[in-house]
């Protein structure tokens, strides 16, 4: 059993990961470090929003940042986040497959 403080920490991490823009930023950083400008180009988000979301991810310890002259490069600090995402995506896939398997034959034929 987890104590209350640990449960609160877990809840905070899930709250950080509950924002689609943050997940998108993490997804783009999966292949290597990027600058804010590169992340803006990749995501189509506004600079203020990208910077805000990166700050939240940094505070949560999910990304690191390194100054390179005038640029700041962001990188994944804890690749565990991708294992967690794989678990969630696996659950969503399984749920969709179960739902599809439960459809009547005619409904399946229309979808296929």
PDB file of N, CA and C in Angstrom:
ATOM      1  N   UNK A   1       0.847  -1.189   0.000  1.00  0.00           N
ATOM      2  CA  UNK A   1       0.000   0.000   0.000  1.00  0.00           C
ATOM      3  C   UNK A   1       0.890   1.248   0.000  1.00  0.00           C
ATOM      4  N   UNK A   2       0.483   2.199  -0.798  1.00  0.00           N
ATOM      5  CA  UNK A   2       1.220   3.459  -0.865  1.00  0.00           C
ATOM      6  C   UNK A   2       0.670   4.428   0.173  1.00  0.00           C
ATOM      7  N   UNK A   3       1.566   5.219   0.743  1.00  0.00           N
ATOM      8  CA  UNK A   3       1.109   6.223   1.705  1.00  0.00           C
ATOM      9  C   UNK A   3       0.515   7.413   0.962  1.00  0.00           C
ATOM     10  N   UNK A   4      -0.141   8.285   1.695  1.00  0.00           N
ATOM     11  CA  UNK A   4      -0.854   9.415   1.109  1.00  0.00           C
ATOM     12  C   UNK A   4       0.088  10.333   0.321  1.00  0.00           C
ATOM     13  N   UNK A   5       1.264  10.590   0.846  1.00  0.00           N
ATOM     14  CA  UNK A   5       2.202  11.480   0.142  1.00  0.00           C
ATOM     15  C   UNK A   5       2.624  10.879  -1.201  1.00  0.00           C
ATOM     16  N   UNK A   6       2.851   9.579  -1.237  1.00  0.00           N
ATOM     17  CA  UNK A   6       3.231   8.920  -2.483  1.00  0.00           C
ATOM     18  C   UNK A   6       2.077   8.958  -3.474  1.00  0.00           C
ATOM     19  N   UNK A   7       0.872   8.704  -2.995  1.00  0.00           N
ATOM     20  CA  UNK A   7      -0.302   8.766  -3.867  1.00  0.00           C
ATOM     21  C   UNK A   7      -0.473  10.159  -4.460  1.00  0.00           C
ATOM     22  N   UNK A   8      -0.213  11.175  -3.664  1.00  0.00           N
ATOM     23  CA  UNK A   8      -0.311  12.556  -4.166  1.00  0.00           C
ATOM     24  C   UNK A   8       0.738  12.814  -5.236  1.00  0.00           C
ATOM     25  N   UNK A   9       1.936  12.273  -5.052  1.00  0.00           N
ATOM     26  CA  UNK A   9       2.995  12.426  -6.056  1.00  0.00           C
ATOM     27  C   UNK A   9       2.622  11.731  -7.360  1.00  0.00           C
ATOM     28  N   UNK A  10       2.057  10.544  -7.253  1.00  0.00           N
ATOM     29  CA  UNK A  10       1.613   9.809  -8.437  1.00  0.00           C
ATOM     30  C   UNK A  10       0.518  10.598  -9.161  1.00  0.00           C
ATOM     31  N   UNK A  11      -0.416  11.139  -8.392  1.00  0.00           N
ATOM     32  CA  UNK A  11      -1.506  11.916  -8.987  1.00  0.00           C
ATOM     33  C   UNK A  11      -0.972  13.156  -9.698  1.00  0.00           C
ATOM     34  N   UNK A  12       0.040  13.806  -9.120  1.00  0.00           N
ATOM     35  CA  UNK A  12       0.640  14.987  -9.762  1.00  0.00           C
ATOM     36  C   UNK A  12       1.280  14.606 -11.103  1.00  0.00           C
ATOM     37  N   UNK A  13       1.959  13.469 -11.130  1.00  0.00           N
ATOM     38  CA  UNK A  13       2.584  13.034 -12.382  1.00  0.00           C
ATOM     39  C   UNK A  13       1.525  12.751 -13.441  1.00  0.00           C
ATOM     40  N   UNK A  14       0.448  12.061 -13.061  1.00  0.00           N
ATOM     41  CA  UNK A  14      -0.613  11.797 -14.027  1.00  0.00           C
ATOM     42  C   UNK A  14      -1.270  13.096 -14.485  1.00  0.00           C
ATOM     43  N   UNK A  15      -1.360  14.067 -13.605  1.00  0.00           N
ATOM     44  CA  UNK A  15      -1.932  15.365 -13.981  1.00  0.00           C
ATOM     45  C   UNK A  15      -1.052  16.042 -15.034  1.00  0.00           C
ATOM     46  N   UNK A  16       0.266  15.966 -14.860  1.00  0.00           N
ATOM     47  CA  UNK A  16       1.191  16.536 -15.846  1.00  0.00           C
ATOM     48  C   UNK A  16       0.996  15.851 -17.193  1.00  0.00           C
ATOM     49  N   UNK A  17       0.806  14.543 -17.176  1.00  0.00           N
ATOM     50  CA  UNK A  17       0.671  13.780 -18.423  1.00  0.00           C
ATOM     51  C   UNK A  17      -0.735  13.835 -19.016  1.00  0.00           C
ATOM     52  N   UNK A  18      -1.656  14.483 -18.324  1.00  0.00           N
ATOM     53  CA  UNK A  18      -3.049  14.544 -18.797  1.00  0.00           C
ATOM     54  C   UNK A  18      -3.288  15.651 -19.822  1.00  0.00           C
ATOM     55  N   UNK A  19      -2.271  16.388 -20.187  1.00  0.00           N
ATOM     56  CA  UNK A  19      -2.402  17.500 -21.138  1.00  0.00           C
ATOM     57  C   UNK A  19      -1.875  17.050 -22.508  1.00  0.00           C
ATOM     58  N   UNK A  20      -2.730  17.029 -23.533  1.00  0.00           N
ATOM     59  CA  UNK A  20      -2.311  16.553 -24.860  1.00  0.00           C
ATOM     60  C   UNK A  20      -1.105  17.302 -25.444  1.00  0.00           C
ATOM     61  N   UNK A  21      -1.005  18.595 -25.208  1.00  0.00           N
ATOM     62  CA  UNK A  21       0.137  19.347 -25.747  1.00  0.00           C
ATOM     63  C   UNK A  21       1.439  18.846 -25.141  1.00  0.00           C
ATOM     64  N   UNK A  22       1.422  18.532 -23.851  1.00  0.00           N
ATOM     65  CA  UNK A  22       2.638  18.021 -23.204  1.00  0.00           C
ATOM     66  C   UNK A  22       3.012  16.663 -23.774  1.00  0.00           C
ATOM     67  N   UNK A  23       2.013  15.821 -24.002  1.00  0.00           N
ATOM     68  CA  UNK A  23       2.283  14.510 -24.597  1.00  0.00           C
ATOM     69  C   UNK A  23       2.861  14.674 -26.004  1.00  0.00           C
ATOM     70  N   UNK A  24       2.355  15.641 -26.744  1.00  0.00           N
ATOM     71  CA  UNK A  24       2.862  15.911 -28.088  1.00  0.00           C
ATOM     72  C   UNK A  24       4.323  16.357 -28.029  1.00  0.00           C
ATOM     73  N   UNK A  25       4.650  17.229 -27.085  1.00  0.00           N
ATOM     74  CA  UNK A  25       6.036  17.678 -26.934  1.00  0.00           C
ATOM     75  C   UNK A  25       6.949  16.499 -26.593  1.00  0.00           C
ATOM     76  N   UNK A  26       6.511  15.657 -25.658  1.00  0.00           N
ATOM     77  CA  UNK A  26       7.308  14.484 -25.278  1.00  0.00           C
ATOM     78  C   UNK A  26       7.516  13.576 -26.486  1.00  0.00           C
ATOM     79  N   UNK A  27       6.468  13.395 -27.271  1.00  0.00           N
ATOM     80  CA  UNK A  27       6.542  12.552 -28.461  1.00  0.00           C
ATOM     81  C   UNK A  27       7.586  13.084 -29.439  1.00  0.00           C
ATOM     82  N   UNK A  28       7.632  14.395 -29.614  1.00  0.00           N
ATOM     83  CA  UNK A  28       8.611  14.990 -30.529  1.00  0.00           C
ATOM     84  C   UNK A  28      10.033  14.911 -29.967  1.00  0.00           C
ATOM     85  N   UNK A  29      10.159  14.897 -28.669  1.00  0.00           N
ATOM     86  CA  UNK A  29      11.487  14.819 -28.053  1.00  0.00           C
ATOM     87  C   UNK A  29      12.020  13.389 -27.992  1.00  0.00           C
ATOM     88  N   UNK A  30      11.185  12.436 -28.314  1.00  0.00           N
ATOM     89  CA  UNK A  30      11.582  11.026 -28.215  1.00  0.00           C
ATOM     90  C   UNK A  30      12.808  10.721 -29.076  1.00  0.00           C
ATOM     91  N   UNK A  31      12.929  11.373 -30.224  1.00  0.00           N
ATOM     92  CA  UNK A  31      14.044  11.100 -31.138  1.00  0.00           C
ATOM     93  C   UNK A  31      15.294  11.917 -30.857  1.00  0.00           C
ATOM     94  N   UNK A  32      15.232  12.775 -29.854  1.00  0.00           N
ATOM     95  CA  UNK A  32      16.421  13.551 -29.501  1.00  0.00           C
ATOM     96  C   UNK A  32      16.070  14.968 -29.102  1.00  0.00           C
ATOM     97  N   UNK A  33      17.060  15.676 -28.561  1.00  0.00           N
ATOM     98  CA  UNK A  33      16.842  17.045 -28.075  1.00  0.00           C
ATOM     99  C   UNK A  33      16.413  18.000 -29.182  1.00  0.00           C
ATOM    100  N   UNK A  34      15.562  18.954 -28.798  1.00  0.00           N
ATOM    101  CA  UNK A  34      15.094  19.987 -29.720  1.00  0.00           C
ATOM    102  C   UNK A  34      15.031  21.331 -28.997  1.00  0.00           C
ATOM    103  N   UNK A  35      15.141  22.393 -29.766  1.00  0.00           N
ATOM    104  CA  UNK A  35      14.981  23.737 -29.219  1.00  0.00           C
ATOM    105  C   UNK A  35      13.493  24.092 -29.180  1.00  0.00           C
ATOM    106  N   UNK A  36      13.181  25.182 -28.493  1.00  0.00           N
ATOM    107  CA  UNK A  36      11.795  25.651 -28.452  1.00  0.00           C
ATOM    108  C   UNK A  36      11.314  25.950 -29.872  1.00  0.00           C
ATOM    109  N   UNK A  37      12.143  26.605 -30.675  1.00  0.00           N
ATOM    110  CA  UNK A  37      11.754  26.926 -32.063  1.00  0.00           C
ATOM    111  C   UNK A  37      11.454  25.662 -32.861  1.00  0.00           C
ATOM    112  N   UNK A  38      12.272  24.644 -32.698  1.00  0.00           N
ATOM    113  CA  UNK A  38      12.039  23.386 -33.409  1.00  0.00           C
ATOM    114  C   UNK A  38      10.740  22.726 -32.946  1.00  0.00           C
ATOM    115  N   UNK A  39      10.461  22.826 -31.646  1.00  0.00           N
ATOM    116  CA  UNK A  39       9.221  22.249 -31.118  1.00  0.00           C
ATOM    117  C   UNK A  39       8.000  23.039 -31.592  1.00  0.00           C
ATOM    118  N   UNK A  40       8.146  24.350 -31.717  1.00  0.00           N
ATOM    119  CA  UNK A  40       7.051  25.178 -32.252  1.00  0.00           C
ATOM    120  C   UNK A  40       6.747  24.747 -33.679  1.00  0.00           C
ATOM    121  N   UNK A  41       7.793  24.597 -34.491  1.00  0.00           N
ATOM    122  CA  UNK A  41       7.614  24.169 -35.885  1.00  0.00           C
ATOM    123  C   UNK A  41       6.992  22.781 -35.954  1.00  0.00           C
ATOM    124  N   UNK A  42       7.440  21.880 -35.089  1.00  0.00           N
ATOM    125  CA  UNK A  42       6.970  20.490 -35.131  1.00  0.00           C
ATOM    126  C   UNK A  42       5.524  20.342 -34.668  1.00  0.00           C
ATOM    127  N   UNK A  43       5.127  21.154 -33.695  1.00  0.00           N
ATOM    128  CA  UNK A  43       3.789  20.980 -33.106  1.00  0.00           C
ATOM    129  C   UNK A  43       2.756  21.968 -33.633  1.00  0.00           C
ATOM    130  N   UNK A  44       3.207  23.092 -34.182  1.00  0.00           N
ATOM    131  CA  UNK A  44       2.270  24.116 -34.632  1.00  0.00           C
ATOM    132  C   UNK A  44       1.682  24.929 -33.485  1.00  0.00           C
ATOM    133  N   UNK A  45       2.218  24.747 -32.296  1.00  0.00           N
ATOM    134  CA  UNK A  45       1.742  25.490 -31.125  1.00  0.00           C
ATOM    135  C   UNK A  45       2.423  26.864 -31.069  1.00  0.00           C
ATOM    136  N   UNK A  46       1.831  27.770 -30.323  1.00  0.00           N
ATOM    137  CA  UNK A  46       2.413  29.103 -30.135  1.00  0.00           C
ATOM    138  C   UNK A  46       3.580  29.019 -29.155  1.00  0.00           C
ATOM    139  N   UNK A  47       4.520  29.945 -29.302  1.00  0.00           N
ATOM    140  CA  UNK A  47       5.726  29.951 -28.482  1.00  0.00           C
ATOM    141  C   UNK A  47       5.399  30.004 -27.000  1.00  0.00           C
ATOM    142  N   UNK A  48       4.462  30.839 -26.606  1.00  0.00           N
ATOM    143  CA  UNK A  48       4.128  30.986 -25.186  1.00  0.00           C
ATOM    144  C   UNK A  48       3.617  29.665 -24.609  1.00  0.00           C
ATOM    145  N   UNK A  49       2.801  28.959 -25.371  1.00  0.00           N
ATOM    146  CA  UNK A  49       2.253  27.688 -24.893  1.00  0.00           C
ATOM    147  C   UNK A  49       3.336  26.615 -24.806  1.00  0.00           C
ATOM    148  N   UNK A  50       4.194  26.537 -25.824  1.00  0.00           N
ATOM    149  CA  UNK A  50       5.280  25.552 -25.809  1.00  0.00           C
ATOM    150  C   UNK A  50       6.191  25.805 -24.614  1.00  0.00           C
ATOM    151  N   UNK A  51       6.556  27.050 -24.394  1.00  0.00           N
ATOM    152  CA  UNK A  51       7.429  27.384 -23.268  1.00  0.00           C
ATOM    153  C   UNK A  51       6.779  27.043 -21.936  1.00  0.00           C
ATOM    154  N   UNK A  52       5.506  27.351 -21.805  1.00  0.00           N
ATOM    155  CA  UNK A  52       4.777  27.049 -20.567  1.00  0.00           C
ATOM    156  C   UNK A  52       4.746  25.546 -20.308  1.00  0.00           C
ATOM    157  N   UNK A  53       4.397  24.778 -21.342  1.00  0.00           N
ATOM    158  CA  UNK A  53       4.287  23.325 -21.179  1.00  0.00           C
ATOM    159  C   UNK A  53       5.644  22.693 -20.914  1.00  0.00           C
ATOM    160  N   UNK A  54       6.695  23.192 -21.559  1.00  0.00           N
ATOM    161  CA  UNK A  54       8.043  22.688 -21.294  1.00  0.00           C
ATOM    162  C   UNK A  54       8.454  22.981 -19.852  1.00  0.00           C
ATOM    163  N   UNK A  55       8.059  24.133 -19.335  1.00  0.00           N
ATOM    164  CA  UNK A  55       8.355  24.466 -17.938  1.00  0.00           C
ATOM    165  C   UNK A  55       7.702  23.485 -16.979  1.00  0.00           C
ATOM    166  N   UNK A  56       6.477  23.107 -17.277  1.00  0.00           N
ATOM    167  CA  UNK A  56       5.758  22.139 -16.439  1.00  0.00           C
ATOM    168  C   UNK A  56       6.437  20.779 -16.522  1.00  0.00           C
ATOM    169  N   UNK A  57       6.806  20.359 -17.730  1.00  0.00           N
ATOM    170  CA  UNK A  57       7.495  19.076 -17.901  1.00  0.00           C
ATOM    171  C   UNK A  57       8.854  19.079 -17.212  1.00  0.00           C
ATOM    172  N   UNK A  58       9.545  20.216 -17.260  1.00  0.00           N
ATOM    173  CA  UNK A  58      10.845  20.347 -16.600  1.00  0.00           C
ATOM    174  C   UNK A  58      10.688  20.245 -15.084  1.00  0.00           C
ATOM    175  N   UNK A  59       9.729  20.966 -14.539  1.00  0.00           N
ATOM    176  CA  UNK A  59       9.483  20.940 -13.089  1.00  0.00           C
ATOM    177  C   UNK A  59       9.133  19.532 -12.615  1.00  0.00           C
ATOM    178  N   UNK A  60       8.427  18.779 -13.463  1.00  0.00           N
ATOM    179  CA  UNK A  60       8.041  17.408 -13.129  1.00  0.00           C
ATOM    180  C   UNK A  60       9.205  16.426 -13.296  1.00  0.00           C
ATOM    181  N   UNK A  61      10.320  16.895 -13.852  1.00  0.00           N
ATOM    182  CA  UNK A  61      11.483  16.035 -14.032  1.00  0.00           C
ATOM    183  C   UNK A  61      11.402  15.129 -15.256  1.00  0.00           C
ATOM    184  N   UNK A  62      10.493  15.438 -16.164  1.00  0.00           N
ATOM    185  CA  UNK A  62      10.336  14.605 -17.356  1.00  0.00           C
ATOM    186  C   UNK A  62      11.221  15.047 -18.509  1.00  0.00           C
ATOM    187  N   UNK A  63      11.587  16.335 -18.529  1.00  0.00           N
ATOM    188  CA  UNK A  63      12.529  16.823 -19.538  1.00  0.00           C
ATOM    189  C   UNK A  63      13.671  17.553 -18.839  1.00  0.00           C
ATOM    190  N   UNK A  64      14.800  17.574 -19.526  1.00  0.00           N
ATOM    191  CA  UNK A  64      15.948  18.344 -19.062  1.00  0.00           C
ATOM    192  C   UNK A  64      16.181  19.458 -20.068  1.00  0.00           C
ATOM    193  N   UNK A  65      16.969  20.431 -19.687  1.00  0.00           N
ATOM    194  CA  UNK A  65      17.293  21.503 -20.629  1.00  0.00           C
ATOM    195  C   UNK A  65      18.764  21.837 -20.505  1.00  0.00           C
ATOM    196  N   UNK A  66      19.329  22.202 -21.660  1.00  0.00           N
ATOM    197  CA  UNK A  66      20.748  22.532 -21.720  1.00  0.00           C
ATOM    198  C   UNK A  66      20.920  23.744 -22.613  1.00  0.00           C
ATOM    199  N   UNK A  67      21.617  24.720 -22.095  1.00  0.00           N
ATOM    200  CA  UNK A  67      21.866  25.937 -22.870  1.00  0.00           C
ATOM    201  C   UNK A  67      22.959  25.667 -23.893  1.00  0.00           C
ATOM    202  N   UNK A  68      22.726  26.142 -25.121  1.00  0.00           N
ATOM    203  CA  UNK A  68      23.674  26.017 -26.223  1.00  0.00           C
ATOM    204  C   UNK A  68      23.782  27.393 -26.866  1.00  0.00           C
ATOM    205  N   UNK A  69      24.631  28.245 -26.297  1.00  0.00           N
ATOM    206  CA  UNK A  69      24.712  29.639 -26.746  1.00  0.00           C
ATOM    207  C   UNK A  69      23.427  30.347 -26.363  1.00  0.00           C
ATOM    208  N   UNK A  70      22.734  30.909 -27.358  1.00  0.00           N
ATOM    209  CA  UNK A  70      21.465  31.590 -27.106  1.00  0.00           C
ATOM    210  C   UNK A  70      20.275  30.632 -27.091  1.00  0.00           C
ATOM    211  N   UNK A  71      20.517  29.395 -27.487  1.00  0.00           N
ATOM    212  CA  UNK A  71      19.434  28.414 -27.580  1.00  0.00           C
ATOM    213  C   UNK A  71      19.380  27.543 -26.326  1.00  0.00           C
ATOM    214  N   UNK A  72      18.198  27.041 -26.056  1.00  0.00           N
ATOM    215  CA  UNK A  72      18.022  26.051 -24.993  1.00  0.00           C
ATOM    216  C   UNK A  72      17.463  24.803 -25.651  1.00  0.00           C
ATOM    217  N   UNK A  73      18.152  23.700 -25.459  1.00  0.00           N
ATOM    218  CA  UNK A  73      17.700  22.422 -26.007  1.00  0.00           C
ATOM    219  C   UNK A  73      17.026  21.620 -24.904  1.00  0.00           C
ATOM    220  N   UNK A  74      15.880  21.072 -25.241  1.00  0.00           N
ATOM    221  CA  UNK A  74      15.137  20.228 -24.309  1.00  0.00           C
ATOM    222  C   UNK A  74      15.294  18.777 -24.738  1.00  0.00           C
ATOM    223  N   UNK A  75      15.361  17.902 -23.742  1.00  0.00           N
ATOM    224  CA  UNK A  75      15.519  16.469 -24.000  1.00  0.00           C
ATOM    225  C   UNK A  75      14.710  15.693 -22.969  1.00  0.00           C
ATOM    226  N   UNK A  76      14.448  14.458 -23.284  1.00  0.00           N
ATOM    227  CA  UNK A  76      13.771  13.573 -22.338  1.00  0.00           C
ATOM    228  C   UNK A  76      14.720  13.302 -21.175  1.00  0.00           C
ATOM    229  N   UNK A  77      14.252  13.549 -19.969  1.00  0.00           N
ATOM    230  CA  UNK A  77      15.068  13.307 -18.780  1.00  0.00           C
ATOM    231  C   UNK A  77      14.811  11.917 -18.215  1.00  0.00           C
ATOM    232  N   UNK A  78      13.604  11.410 -18.427  1.00  0.00           N
ATOM    233  CA  UNK A  78      13.242  10.115 -17.872  1.00  0.00           C
ATOM    234  C   UNK A  78      12.455   9.322 -18.908  1.00  0.00           C
ATOM    235  N   UNK A  79      13.128   8.401 -19.620  1.00  0.00           N
ATOM    236  CA  UNK A  79      12.451   7.647 -20.669  1.00  0.00           C
ATOM    237  C   UNK A  79      11.325   6.738 -20.151  1.00  0.00           C
ATOM    238  N   UNK A  80      11.204   6.612 -18.847  1.00  0.00           N
ATOM    239  CA  UNK A  80      10.117   5.833 -18.260  1.00  0.00           C
ATOM    240  C   UNK A  80       8.774   6.322 -18.764  1.00  0.00           C
ATOM    241  N   UNK A  81       8.687   7.581 -19.105  1.00  0.00           N
ATOM    242  CA  UNK A  81       7.419   8.151 -19.552  1.00  0.00           C
ATOM    243  C   UNK A  81       6.900   7.416 -20.792  1.00  0.00           C
ATOM    244  N   UNK A  82       7.794   6.919 -21.635  1.00  0.00           N
ATOM    245  CA  UNK A  82       7.365   6.203 -22.833  1.00  0.00           C
ATOM    246  C   UNK A  82       6.860   4.800 -22.498  1.00  0.00           C
ATOM    247  N   UNK A  83       7.416   4.192 -21.464  1.00  0.00           N
ATOM    248  CA  UNK A  83       6.899   2.893 -21.008  1.00  0.00           C
ATOM    249  C   UNK A  83       5.475   3.066 -20.486  1.00  0.00           C
ATOM    250  N   UNK A  84       5.264   4.129 -19.753  1.00  0.00           N
ATOM    251  CA  UNK A  84       3.927   4.416 -19.237  1.00  0.00           C
ATOM    252  C   UNK A  84       2.947   4.650 -20.386  1.00  0.00           C
ATOM    253  N   UNK A  85       3.373   5.415 -21.373  1.00  0.00           N
ATOM    254  CA  UNK A  85       2.513   5.678 -22.539  1.00  0.00           C
ATOM    255  C   UNK A  85       2.209   4.384 -23.295  1.00  0.00           C
ATOM    256  N   UNK A  86       3.184   3.493 -23.409  1.00  0.00           N
ATOM    257  CA  UNK A  86       2.953   2.200 -24.080  1.00  0.00           C
ATOM    258  C   UNK A  86       1.895   1.392 -23.335  1.00  0.00           C
ATOM    259  N   UNK A  87       1.951   1.401 -22.011  1.00  0.00           N
ATOM    260  CA  UNK A  87       0.945   0.686 -21.219  1.00  0.00           C
ATOM    261  C   UNK A  87      -0.450   1.253 -21.466  1.00  0.00           C
ATOM    262  N   UNK A  88      -0.555   2.582 -21.453  1.00  0.00           N
ATOM    263  CA  UNK A  88      -1.855   3.227 -21.664  1.00  0.00           C
ATOM    264  C   UNK A  88      -2.352   2.954 -23.082  1.00  0.00           C
ATOM    265  N   UNK A  89      -1.471   3.085 -24.072  1.00  0.00           N
ATOM    266  CA  UNK A  89      -1.875   2.830 -25.463  1.00  0.00           C
ATOM    267  C   UNK A  89      -2.280   1.371 -25.644  1.00  0.00           C
ATOM    268  N   UNK A  90      -1.576   0.460 -24.996  1.00  0.00           N
ATOM    269  CA  UNK A  90      -1.939  -0.951 -25.055  1.00  0.00           C
ATOM    270  C   UNK A  90      -3.324  -1.205 -24.492  1.00  0.00           C
ATOM    271  N   UNK A  91      -3.641  -0.541 -23.405  1.00  0.00           N
ATOM    272  CA  UNK A  91      -4.968  -0.681 -22.804  1.00  0.00           C
ATOM    273  C   UNK A  91      -6.039  -0.141 -23.750  1.00  0.00           C
ATOM    274  N   UNK A  92      -5.782   1.013 -24.353  1.00  0.00           N
ATOM    275  CA  UNK A  92      -6.747   1.606 -25.276  1.00  0.00           C
ATOM    276  C   UNK A  92      -6.972   0.711 -26.500  1.00  0.00           C
ATOM    277  N   UNK A  93      -5.881   0.119 -27.007  1.00  0.00           N
ATOM    278  CA  UNK A  93      -6.000  -0.808 -28.134  1.00  0.00           C
ATOM    279  C   UNK A  93      -6.846  -2.020 -27.755  1.00  0.00           C
ATOM    280  N   UNK A  94      -6.554  -2.593 -26.585  1.00  0.00           N
ATOM    281  CA  UNK A  94      -7.298  -3.772 -26.132  1.00  0.00           C
ATOM    282  C   UNK A  94      -8.772  -3.442 -25.933  1.00  0.00           C
ATOM    283  N   UNK A  95      -9.050  -2.284 -25.356  1.00  0.00           N
ATOM    284  CA  UNK A  95     -10.449  -1.861 -25.170  1.00  0.00           C
ATOM    285  C   UNK A  95     -11.161  -1.730 -26.510  1.00  0.00           C
ATOM    286  N   UNK A  96     -10.491  -1.125 -27.498  1.00  0.00           N
ATOM    287  CA  UNK A  96     -11.095  -0.944 -28.819  1.00  0.00           C
ATOM    288  C   UNK A  96     -11.339  -2.294 -29.491  1.00  0.00           C
ATOM    289  N   UNK A  97     -10.383  -3.211 -29.355  1.00  0.00           N
ATOM    290  CA  UNK A  97     -10.548  -4.540 -29.948  1.00  0.00           C
ATOM    291  C   UNK A  97     -11.711  -5.294 -29.306  1.00  0.00           C
ATOM    292  N   UNK A  98     -11.830  -5.189 -27.981  1.00  0.00           N
ATOM    293  CA  UNK A  98     -12.949  -5.844 -27.285  1.00  0.00           C
ATOM    294  C   UNK A  98     -14.276  -5.239 -27.733  1.00  0.00           C
ATOM    295  N   UNK A  99     -14.301  -3.930 -27.862  1.00  0.00           N
ATOM    296  CA  UNK A  99     -15.531  -3.259 -28.286  1.00  0.00           C
ATOM    297  C   UNK A  99     -15.893  -3.678 -29.711  1.00  0.00           C
ATOM    298  N   UNK A 100     -14.905  -3.716 -30.587  1.00  0.00           N
ATOM    299  CA  UNK A 100     -15.138  -4.119 -31.963  1.00  0.00           C
ATOM    300  C   UNK A 100     -15.594  -5.580 -32.030  1.00  0.00           C
ATOM    301  N   UNK A 101     -15.005  -6.440 -31.220  1.00  0.00           N
ATOM    302  CA  UNK A 101     -15.379  -7.859 -31.205  1.00  0.00           C
ATOM    303  C   UNK A 101     -16.822  -8.048 -30.751  1.00  0.00           C
ATOM    304  N   UNK A 102     -17.337  -7.130 -29.959  1.00  0.00           N
ATOM    305  CA  UNK A 102     -18.700  -7.234 -29.459  1.00  0.00           C
ATOM    306  C   UNK A 102     -19.757  -6.688 -30.390  1.00  0.00           C
ATOM    307  N   UNK A 103     -19.337  -6.080 -31.507  1.00  0.00           N
ATOM    308  CA  UNK A 103     -20.306  -5.520 -32.450  1.00  0.00           C
ATOM    309  C   UNK A 103     -20.968  -6.627 -33.251  1.00  0.00           C
ATOM    310  N   UNK A 104     -22.231  -6.438 -33.636  1.00  0.00           N
ATOM    311  CA  UNK A 104     -22.891  -7.406 -34.518  1.00  0.00           C
ATOM    312  C   UNK A 104     -22.146  -7.509 -35.850  1.00  0.00           C
ATOM    313  N   UNK A 105     -22.287  -8.630 -36.537  1.00  0.00           N
ATOM    314  CA  UNK A 105     -21.559  -8.890 -37.793  1.00  0.00           C
ATOM    315  C   UNK A 105     -21.779  -7.796 -38.835  1.00  0.00           C
ATOM    316  N   UNK A 106     -23.012  -7.286 -38.980  1.00  0.00           N
ATOM    317  CA  UNK A 106     -23.287  -6.240 -39.979  1.00  0.00           C
ATOM    318  C   UNK A 106     -22.501  -4.978 -39.676  1.00  0.00           C
ATOM    319  N   UNK A 107     -22.432  -4.577 -38.417  1.00  0.00           N
ATOM    320  CA  UNK A 107     -21.703  -3.372 -38.037  1.00  0.00           C
ATOM    321  C   UNK A 107     -20.211  -3.546 -38.347  1.00  0.00           C
ATOM    322  N   UNK A 108     -19.671  -4.734 -38.100  1.00  0.00           N
ATOM    323  CA  UNK A 108     -18.256  -4.991 -38.397  1.00  0.00           C
ATOM    324  C   UNK A 108     -18.000  -4.889 -39.897  1.00  0.00           C
ATOM    325  N   UNK A 109     -18.906  -5.424 -40.714  1.00  0.00           N
ATOM    326  CA  UNK A 109     -18.729  -5.389 -42.166  1.00  0.00           C
ATOM    327  C   UNK A 109     -18.713  -3.953 -42.678  1.00  0.00           C
ATOM    328  N   UNK A 110     -19.574  -3.091 -42.120  1.00  0.00           N
ATOM    329  CA  UNK A 110     -19.594  -1.684 -42.536  1.00  0.00           C
ATOM    330  C   UNK A 110     -18.296  -0.987 -42.169  1.00  0.00           C
ATOM    331  N   UNK A 111     -17.709  -1.333 -41.034  1.00  0.00           N
ATOM    332  CA  UNK A 111     -16.467  -0.690 -40.599  1.00  0.00           C
ATOM    333  C   UNK A 111     -15.267  -1.199 -41.379  1.00  0.00           C
ATOM    334  N   UNK A 112     -15.296  -2.432 -41.824  1.00  0.00           N
ATOM    335  CA  UNK A 112     -14.148  -3.053 -42.479  1.00  0.00           C
ATOM    336  C   UNK A 112     -13.986  -2.604 -43.860  1.00  0.00           C
TER     337      UNK A 112
END
